[in-house]
Amino acid sequence: MAKNRTFTTHIDIAAPARDQLIALINQQLADTFDLLSQVKQAHWNVKGPQFIALHELFDDLAANLLDHVDTIAERAVILGGQALGTARMAAAASRLPEYPAEITDGMQHVANLVARYAKVGATTRQAITTATELNDADTADMFTQVSRDLDKYLWFLEAHIQA
């Protein structure tokens, strides 16, 4: 990940903790932004008997993620850092696997998104713990809201493949 420039702030979190938080936030930003792009890939390319339902669901997922991406990026800046938020920055730093470009089947898209939502959900819960350990309740709270939404939409996706 790119080196992050920091700026003076009067927030009462010590500089070393802020540096760790900014790095943590930018990692989650990369993963969440990459997840957003992968959801849009599914949205644009889904085909099959459940096309309209999945096309609309994927659009809802993307809208939710876009809101979180903005909030996550702004938190890095609030703490005196920079948001590392271009598509290239996200792709270089993301821990998600590449999305398979060849799939079009709705249930294949759902299965791929389930795996990715579960992974980002798990790293987001780890980020909550880290932010709490660094005494930043606001960042922990932000990640808690992200986690709640990731879990909710994971449930929506899993409902399509559970019997």
Protein backbone atom coordinates (compact mmCIF):
# COMPACT_ATOMS: atom_id res chain seq x y z
CA MET A 1 0.00 0.00 0.00
CA ALA A 2 1.19 3.53 -0.73
CA LYS A 3 2.83 5.59 2.00
CA ASN A 4 0.26 7.80 3.68
CA ARG A 5 1.03 11.44 4.34
CA THR A 6 -0.39 12.71 7.62
CA PHE A 7 -1.56 16.15 8.66
CA THR A 8 -1.78 17.86 12.04
CA THR A 9 -5.09 17.44 13.82
CA HIS A 10 -6.39 18.26 17.28
CA ILE A 11 -8.18 14.92 17.61
CA ASP A 12 -7.15 13.45 20.96
CA ILE A 13 -5.75 10.20 19.59
CA ALA A 14 -1.96 9.88 19.80
CA ALA A 15 -0.10 10.13 16.50
CA PRO A 16 1.22 6.53 16.57
CA ALA A 17 -2.30 5.19 17.12
CA ARG A 18 -3.65 7.46 14.38
CA ASP A 19 -0.99 6.14 11.98
CA GLN A 20 -2.11 2.58 12.71
CA LEU A 21 -5.76 3.53 12.37
CA ILE A 22 -5.20 5.30 9.05
CA ALA A 23 -3.42 2.22 7.68
CA LEU A 24 -6.24 0.00 8.96
CA ILE A 25 -8.89 2.26 7.46
CA ASN A 26 -7.15 2.40 4.09
CA GLN A 27 -6.88 -1.40 4.01
CA GLN A 28 -10.61 -1.71 4.65
CA LEU A 29 -11.22 1.03 2.08
CA ALA A 30 -9.33 -1.00 -0.53
CA ASP A 31 -11.25 -4.19 0.27
CA THR A 32 -14.64 -2.47 0.40
CA PHE A 33 -14.05 -0.49 -2.80
CA ASP A 34 -12.90 -3.68 -4.56
CA LEU A 35 -16.02 -5.47 -3.30
CA LEU A 36 -18.12 -2.62 -4.72
CA SER A 37 -16.47 -3.01 -8.13
CA GLN A 38 -17.02 -6.77 -8.05
CA VAL A 39 -20.69 -6.35 -7.19
CA LYS A 40 -21.05 -3.97 -10.15
CA GLN A 41 -19.35 -6.57 -12.38
CA ALA A 42 -22.02 -9.07 -11.32
CA HIS A 43 -24.78 -6.47 -11.72
CA TRP A 44 -23.78 -5.67 -15.30
CA ASN A 45 -23.24 -9.26 -16.43
CA VAL A 46 -25.87 -11.39 -14.67
CA LYS A 47 -28.06 -13.57 -16.87
CA GLY A 48 -30.57 -16.34 -16.29
CA PRO A 49 -34.07 -16.92 -15.00
CA GLN A 50 -33.56 -14.72 -11.92
CA PHE A 51 -32.03 -11.88 -13.93
CA ILE A 52 -34.23 -9.01 -12.81
CA ALA A 53 -34.25 -9.98 -9.12
CA LEU A 54 -30.47 -10.39 -9.00
CA HIS A 55 -29.78 -7.35 -11.18
CA GLU A 56 -31.79 -5.20 -8.75
CA LEU A 57 -30.32 -6.89 -5.66
CA PHE A 58 -26.77 -6.33 -6.91
CA ASP A 59 -27.60 -2.68 -7.57
CA ASP A 60 -28.86 -2.32 -3.97
CA LEU A 61 -25.68 -3.97 -2.67
CA ALA A 62 -23.54 -1.59 -4.71
CA ALA A 63 -25.41 1.50 -3.48
CA ASN A 64 -24.93 0.39 0.12
CA LEU A 65 -21.22 -0.23 -0.41
CA LEU A 66 -20.75 3.13 -2.11
CA ASP A 67 -22.06 4.89 1.00
CA HIS A 68 -19.66 2.91 3.18
CA VAL A 69 -16.69 3.55 0.88
CA ASP A 70 -17.28 7.28 1.22
CA THR A 71 -17.59 7.10 5.01
CA ILE A 72 -14.48 4.92 5.36
CA ALA A 73 -12.41 7.22 3.13
CA GLU A 74 -13.52 10.31 5.02
CA ARG A 75 -12.56 8.71 8.35
CA ALA A 76 -8.95 8.34 7.19
CA VAL A 77 -8.89 12.06 6.36
CA ILE A 78 -10.61 13.02 9.61
CA LEU A 79 -7.77 11.32 11.49
CA GLY A 80 -5.22 13.42 9.61
CA GLY A 81 -4.37 10.92 6.89
CA GLN A 82 -5.14 10.59 3.24
CA ALA A 83 -7.72 8.29 1.69
CA LEU A 84 -6.01 5.96 -0.76
CA GLY A 85 -9.09 5.47 -2.84
CA THR A 86 -8.49 5.24 -6.56
CA ALA A 87 -9.50 2.08 -8.38
CA ARG A 88 -5.83 1.29 -8.98
CA MET A 89 -4.92 1.87 -5.34
CA ALA A 90 -7.78 -0.38 -4.24
CA ALA A 91 -6.84 -3.11 -6.72
CA ALA A 92 -3.21 -3.05 -5.60
CA ALA A 93 -4.09 -3.27 -1.90
CA SER A 94 -7.24 -5.43 -1.88
CA ARG A 95 -7.13 -8.82 -0.20
CA LEU A 96 -10.03 -10.10 -2.31
CA PRO A 97 -9.42 -12.53 -5.15
CA GLU A 98 -9.96 -11.33 -8.70
CA TYR A 99 -13.58 -11.62 -9.80
CA PRO A 100 -14.07 -14.21 -12.56
CA ALA A 101 -14.84 -12.23 -15.72
CA GLU A 102 -16.27 -15.17 -17.64
CA ILE A 103 -19.31 -15.93 -15.49
CA THR A 104 -22.82 -14.82 -16.37
CA ASP A 105 -25.00 -17.35 -14.51
CA GLY A 106 -26.90 -15.72 -11.68
CA MET A 107 -26.16 -18.39 -9.08
CA GLN A 108 -22.46 -18.37 -9.94
CA HIS A 109 -22.45 -14.63 -9.31
CA VAL A 110 -24.28 -15.16 -6.02
CA ALA A 111 -21.78 -17.83 -4.89
CA ASN A 112 -18.82 -15.60 -5.75
CA LEU A 113 -20.33 -12.63 -3.94
CA VAL A 114 -21.14 -14.76 -0.87
CA ALA A 115 -17.46 -15.67 -0.52
CA ARG A 116 -16.37 -12.06 -0.92
CA TYR A 117 -18.96 -10.62 1.46
CA ALA A 118 -17.94 -13.21 4.07
CA LYS A 119 -14.26 -12.28 3.68
CA VAL A 120 -14.83 -8.52 3.96
CA GLY A 121 -17.23 -9.13 6.86
CA ALA A 122 -14.52 -11.06 8.71
CA THR A 123 -11.83 -8.42 8.14
CA THR A 124 -14.27 -5.69 9.13
CA ARG A 125 -14.92 -7.43 12.45
CA GLN A 126 -11.14 -7.66 12.95
CA ALA A 127 -10.95 -3.92 12.22
CA ILE A 128 -13.55 -3.26 14.94
CA THR A 129 -11.33 -5.08 17.43
CA THR A 130 -8.20 -3.23 16.33
CA ALA A 131 -9.90 0.18 16.43
CA THR A 132 -11.21 -0.61 19.92
CA GLU A 133 -7.73 -1.65 21.09
CA LEU A 134 -6.41 1.67 19.75
CA ASN A 135 -9.08 3.52 21.79
CA ASP A 136 -10.93 4.88 18.75
CA ALA A 137 -14.60 4.27 19.47
CA ASP A 138 -15.68 6.31 16.44
CA THR A 139 -13.75 4.17 13.96
CA ALA A 140 -14.93 1.02 15.73
CA ASP A 141 -18.51 2.29 15.50
CA MET A 142 -18.11 3.05 11.80
CA PHE A 143 -16.82 -0.45 11.16
CA THR A 144 -19.65 -1.89 13.27
CA GLN A 145 -22.21 -0.29 10.94
CA VAL A 146 -20.32 -1.58 7.91
CA SER A 147 -20.24 -5.05 9.48
CA ARG A 148 -23.99 -5.01 10.18
CA ASP A 149 -24.73 -4.15 6.56
CA LEU A 150 -22.26 -6.71 5.18
CA ASP A 151 -23.89 -9.39 7.31
CA LYS A 152 -27.38 -8.33 6.23
CA TYR A 153 -26.52 -8.44 2.55
CA LEU A 154 -24.61 -11.71 3.02
CA TRP A 155 -27.87 -13.10 4.38
CA PHE A 156 -29.73 -11.78 1.31
CA LEU A 157 -27.20 -13.46 -0.99
CA GLU A 158 -27.07 -16.74 0.94
CA ALA A 159 -30.86 -17.02 0.85
CA HIS A 160 -30.56 -17.54 -2.92
CA ILE A 161 -28.38 -20.64 -2.51
CA GLN A 162 -29.71 -22.18 0.70
CA ALA A 163 -32.26 -24.96 0.51
